[in-house]
Amino acid sequence: MYNTAKLITAGLCGLALTACGGDGGDDGNTVARGAVEACFTVPETVSFNVNYFGADGTGAVGGFYRRMVGPTTFNGQAATQSRTVTYVPDRPLDEKSSVSVYWAVTDSGIALLGNTKTQANEPDNSYISSPAAVIPLNIQPGQSVNLVSSQVVSASFDAPASFTFVGLETLTLSGKTFSDVCHFRVQGTPAGATGPVTNDLWYASGYGEIQWGYVPDEHGSVFRYGVN
């Protein structure tokens, strides 16, 4: 299920782009300026269910997720909030947990501002990235932004990470087709881990993150846009 690792107070860096080898994307596939900006632009609030699939491709039981994405204010500035709420059957709704990620579309790029986490019977956690890492609007497939903490884009693990633009794709999820979807890959090695953890994330215009999960491996779990 959705792993909400404990947040830490850490800075965020990586304002400059770095090249990424391996399977980071096709460097020859030039993406027009404005395409990445569109993937992070959500002018009005939308909400949708999130479907969870295990390694065998079957839907998980025992809980469900609801995502709300739209304009808000974070740390005194206009931002977009992507909030994922976990609901567990047979528990009161006040025991649900949530993770929110905040970003802002600026003239210089997509500023990753921070996140908040709420958990039943635990103090709320807030993380403000200062200075915020910025995804340049002209980022190309295979280029990366370095993060001191992956938590600003993914709650699956907490470690310094690279955030690599893989490219633009078309996805059809729950019967809905999304075009020019921005595919990113976050990779880092948490303390005590024997190797890097890799998550893939997909962002669509008007919706924000619509799919995320492990790169296909023995885990194979993935979360996908569901019915509104």
Protein backbone atom coordinates (compact mmCIF):
# COMPACT_ATOMS: atom_id res chain seq x y z
CA MET A 1 0.00 0.00 0.00
CA TYR A 2 1.00 3.64 -0.13
CA ASN A 3 4.11 4.01 1.99
CA THR A 4 4.13 7.36 3.78
CA ALA A 5 7.66 7.44 5.13
CA LYS A 6 8.40 9.89 7.93
CA LEU A 7 9.35 13.33 6.65
CA ILE A 8 12.64 14.89 7.63
CA THR A 9 13.72 18.50 7.63
CA ALA A 10 16.05 18.64 4.69
CA GLY A 11 16.92 21.14 2.00
CA LEU A 12 16.23 20.72 -1.67
CA CYS A 13 18.70 21.53 -4.39
CA GLY A 14 19.48 20.76 -8.00
CA LEU A 15 18.57 23.94 -9.81
CA ALA A 16 20.85 22.96 -12.69
CA LEU A 17 20.12 20.13 -15.09
CA THR A 18 22.32 17.06 -15.26
CA ALA A 19 22.49 14.43 -17.96
CA CYS A 20 21.24 10.98 -17.07
CA GLY A 21 22.36 7.84 -18.86
CA GLY A 22 20.88 4.37 -19.08
CA ASP A 23 17.12 4.14 -19.52
CA GLY A 24 16.42 7.76 -18.62
CA GLY A 25 14.83 8.54 -21.98
CA ASP A 26 15.60 9.36 -25.60
CA ASP A 27 17.83 12.42 -25.74
CA GLY A 28 16.98 12.84 -29.43
CA ASN A 29 13.30 13.30 -28.70
CA THR A 30 13.00 17.08 -28.33
CA VAL A 31 10.04 18.24 -26.25
CA ALA A 32 8.62 21.66 -27.09
CA ARG A 33 8.67 24.37 -24.44
CA GLY A 34 5.30 24.49 -22.69
CA ALA A 35 4.67 20.74 -22.69
CA VAL A 36 6.07 20.16 -19.21
CA GLU A 37 4.41 23.31 -17.88
CA ALA A 38 1.06 21.95 -19.11
CA CYS A 39 1.55 18.69 -17.20
CA PHE A 40 1.74 20.61 -13.91
CA THR A 41 -1.04 23.11 -14.69
CA VAL A 42 -4.32 22.41 -12.87
CA PRO A 43 -6.48 25.57 -13.18
CA GLU A 44 -9.44 24.23 -11.19
CA THR A 45 -9.87 21.56 -8.54
CA VAL A 46 -10.44 17.99 -9.73
CA SER A 47 -10.89 14.82 -7.72
CA PHE A 48 -10.73 11.16 -8.64
CA ASN A 49 -10.33 7.74 -7.11
CA VAL A 50 -6.96 6.02 -7.25
CA ASN A 51 -6.85 2.31 -8.07
CA TYR A 52 -4.07 0.18 -6.60
CA PHE A 53 -2.76 -2.90 -8.42
CA GLY A 54 -0.42 -5.53 -7.05
CA ALA A 55 2.40 -7.31 -8.85
CA ASP A 56 -0.05 -9.86 -10.28
CA GLY A 57 -2.17 -7.13 -11.86
CA THR A 58 -5.17 -7.58 -9.56
CA GLY A 59 -6.72 -4.72 -7.65
CA ALA A 60 -5.92 -4.56 -3.96
CA VAL A 61 -8.66 -4.84 -1.35
CA GLY A 62 -8.91 -3.47 2.18
CA GLY A 63 -8.81 0.25 1.44
CA PHE A 64 -8.96 2.87 -1.28
CA TYR A 65 -7.49 6.22 -2.17
CA ARG A 66 -8.99 9.54 -3.21
CA ARG A 67 -6.95 12.31 -4.83
CA MET A 68 -7.86 16.01 -4.89
CA VAL A 69 -5.75 18.37 -7.02
CA GLY A 70 -6.14 22.11 -7.48
CA PRO A 71 -5.13 25.68 -6.62
CA THR A 72 -4.24 26.53 -3.03
CA THR A 73 -1.80 28.58 -0.96
CA PHE A 74 1.32 27.03 0.57
CA ASN A 75 3.83 28.88 2.72
CA GLY A 76 2.34 32.21 1.68
CA GLN A 77 2.38 31.71 -2.09
CA ALA A 78 0.00 30.53 -4.77
CA ALA A 79 0.49 26.82 -5.46
CA THR A 80 -1.10 23.60 -6.64
CA GLN A 81 -1.89 20.96 -4.05
CA SER A 82 -2.09 17.25 -4.86
CA ARG A 83 -3.63 15.54 -1.85
CA THR A 84 -4.03 11.77 -1.60
CA VAL A 85 -6.29 10.45 1.15
CA THR A 86 -6.24 6.84 2.34
CA TYR A 87 -9.54 5.35 3.52
CA VAL A 88 -9.56 2.09 5.46
CA PRO A 89 -12.81 0.11 5.90
CA ASP A 90 -14.18 -0.37 9.42
CA ARG A 91 -12.39 2.71 10.71
CA PRO A 92 -13.87 6.17 11.39
CA LEU A 93 -13.13 8.74 8.68
CA ASP A 94 -11.21 10.82 11.22
CA GLU A 95 -8.63 8.04 11.27
CA LYS A 96 -7.78 8.42 7.60
CA SER A 97 -4.30 9.55 6.58
CA SER A 98 -3.23 11.85 3.77
CA VAL A 99 -0.15 13.07 1.95
CA SER A 100 -0.07 16.38 0.08
CA VAL A 101 2.55 17.59 -2.38
CA TYR A 102 2.78 21.25 -3.43
CA TRP A 103 4.27 22.89 -6.51
CA ALA A 104 4.04 26.21 -8.34
CA VAL A 105 4.31 26.98 -12.05
CA THR A 106 6.64 29.98 -12.40
CA ASP A 107 8.40 31.79 -15.24
CA SER A 108 11.61 29.91 -14.42
CA GLY A 109 10.05 26.47 -14.13
CA ILE A 110 8.07 24.14 -11.86
CA ALA A 111 9.03 24.94 -8.27
CA LEU A 112 8.70 21.95 -5.92
CA LEU A 113 7.61 23.65 -2.70
CA GLY A 114 7.18 20.93 -0.10
CA ASN A 115 4.61 18.61 1.39
CA THR A 116 2.47 17.78 4.39
CA LYS A 117 1.45 14.52 5.96
CA THR A 118 -1.41 13.70 8.31
CA GLN A 119 -1.70 10.39 10.12
CA ALA A 120 -4.29 9.24 12.63
CA ASN A 121 -3.10 9.61 16.23
CA GLU A 122 0.17 11.24 15.13
CA PRO A 123 1.28 14.89 14.89
CA ASP A 124 1.00 16.42 11.43
CA ASN A 125 4.25 16.83 9.51
CA SER A 126 5.06 19.75 7.24
CA TYR A 127 8.10 20.04 5.01
CA ILE A 128 9.03 23.27 3.24
CA SER A 129 11.82 23.01 0.69
CA SER A 130 14.10 26.01 0.84
CA PRO A 131 15.28 26.81 -1.68
CA ALA A 132 12.83 24.94 -3.84
CA ALA A 133 14.16 22.76 -6.62
CA VAL A 134 12.99 23.91 -10.04
CA ILE A 135 12.16 21.75 -13.04
CA PRO A 136 13.13 23.95 -16.03
CA LEU A 137 10.36 24.49 -18.55
CA ASN A 138 12.71 23.40 -21.33
CA ILE A 139 13.80 20.14 -19.66
CA GLN A 140 14.42 17.37 -22.19
CA PRO A 141 14.18 13.56 -21.96
CA GLY A 142 17.17 12.14 -20.12
CA GLN A 143 17.82 15.30 -18.07
CA SER A 144 17.52 15.30 -14.27
CA VAL A 145 17.00 17.59 -11.31
CA ASN A 146 18.73 16.49 -8.10
CA LEU A 147 16.66 16.36 -4.90
CA VAL A 148 18.10 16.28 -1.40
CA SER A 149 14.88 14.52 -0.34
CA SER A 150 12.64 12.48 -2.63
CA GLN A 151 9.74 13.28 -0.29
CA VAL A 152 8.93 16.41 -2.26
CA VAL A 153 7.65 14.28 -5.15
CA SER A 154 7.17 10.80 -3.69
CA ALA A 155 6.22 9.49 -0.25
CA SER A 156 7.42 6.00 -1.09
CA PHE A 157 10.90 6.58 0.32
CA ASP A 158 13.03 9.32 1.86
CA ALA A 159 16.52 9.88 0.47
CA PRO A 160 18.53 12.13 -1.84
CA ALA A 161 17.33 11.35 -5.35
CA SER A 162 17.45 12.20 -9.02
CA PHE A 163 14.23 13.31 -10.72
CA THR A 164 14.60 12.43 -14.39
CA PHE A 165 12.33 13.41 -17.27
CA VAL A 166 11.72 10.25 -19.31
CA GLY A 167 9.51 11.86 -21.96
CA LEU A 168 5.93 12.43 -23.16
CA GLU A 169 3.51 9.52 -23.43
CA THR A 170 -0.15 8.68 -24.02
CA LEU A 171 -1.94 6.71 -21.29
CA THR A 172 -5.43 5.23 -21.21
CA LEU A 173 -6.63 4.68 -17.64
CA SER A 174 -10.14 3.61 -16.62
CA GLY A 175 -11.33 4.28 -20.16
CA LYS A 176 -9.97 7.83 -20.30
CA THR A 177 -7.10 8.74 -22.63
CA PHE A 178 -4.51 11.28 -21.53
CA SER A 179 -2.22 12.74 -24.20
CA ASP A 180 1.20 14.39 -23.77
CA VAL A 181 1.63 12.92 -20.30
CA CYS A 182 4.95 13.80 -18.63
CA HIS A 183 6.76 10.68 -17.41
CA PHE A 184 9.33 11.24 -14.64
CA ARG A 185 11.51 8.80 -12.72
CA VAL A 186 12.71 9.39 -9.15
CA GLN A 187 15.57 7.24 -7.88
CA GLY A 188 17.53 7.22 -4.64
CA THR A 189 18.96 4.92 -1.98
CA PRO A 190 17.43 5.25 1.51
CA ALA A 191 19.62 4.72 4.56
CA GLY A 192 20.06 1.01 5.23
CA ALA A 193 18.87 -0.05 1.78
CA THR A 194 20.98 -2.50 -0.22
CA GLY A 195 20.27 -0.71 -3.49
CA PRO A 196 18.39 2.18 -5.06
CA VAL A 197 14.61 2.54 -4.95
CA THR A 198 12.99 3.68 -8.18
CA ASN A 199 9.52 5.14 -8.65
CA ASP A 200 7.93 6.26 -11.92
CA LEU A 201 5.43 9.13 -11.93
CA TRP A 202 3.16 10.43 -14.70
CA TYR A 203 1.62 13.93 -14.78
CA ALA A 204 -1.22 15.09 -17.06
CA SER A 205 -2.55 18.53 -17.89
CA GLY A 206 -5.51 19.45 -15.70
CA TYR A 207 -4.95 16.51 -13.32
CA GLY A 208 -1.39 16.47 -12.05
CA GLU A 209 -0.08 13.04 -11.11
CA ILE A 210 -2.33 10.35 -12.59
CA GLN A 211 -0.14 7.27 -12.21
CA TRP A 212 2.82 6.28 -10.04
CA GLY A 213 4.52 3.13 -8.91
CA TYR A 214 7.63 1.01 -8.87
CA VAL A 215 9.57 0.39 -12.02
CA PRO A 216 8.50 -3.16 -13.00
CA ASP A 217 10.35 -5.58 -10.74
CA GLU A 218 9.43 -8.13 -8.13
CA HIS A 219 7.14 -5.55 -6.50
CA GLY A 220 5.36 -4.29 -9.60
CA SER A 221 2.76 -2.34 -7.63
CA VAL A 222 1.20 0.69 -9.29
CA PHE A 223 -1.42 3.33 -8.50
CA ARG A 224 -3.57 4.65 -11.33
CA TYR A 225 -6.25 7.21 -12.07
CA GLY A 226 -9.72 5.78 -11.46
CA VAL A 227 -13.30 6.90 -11.94
CA ASN A 228 -14.02 10.52 -10.92
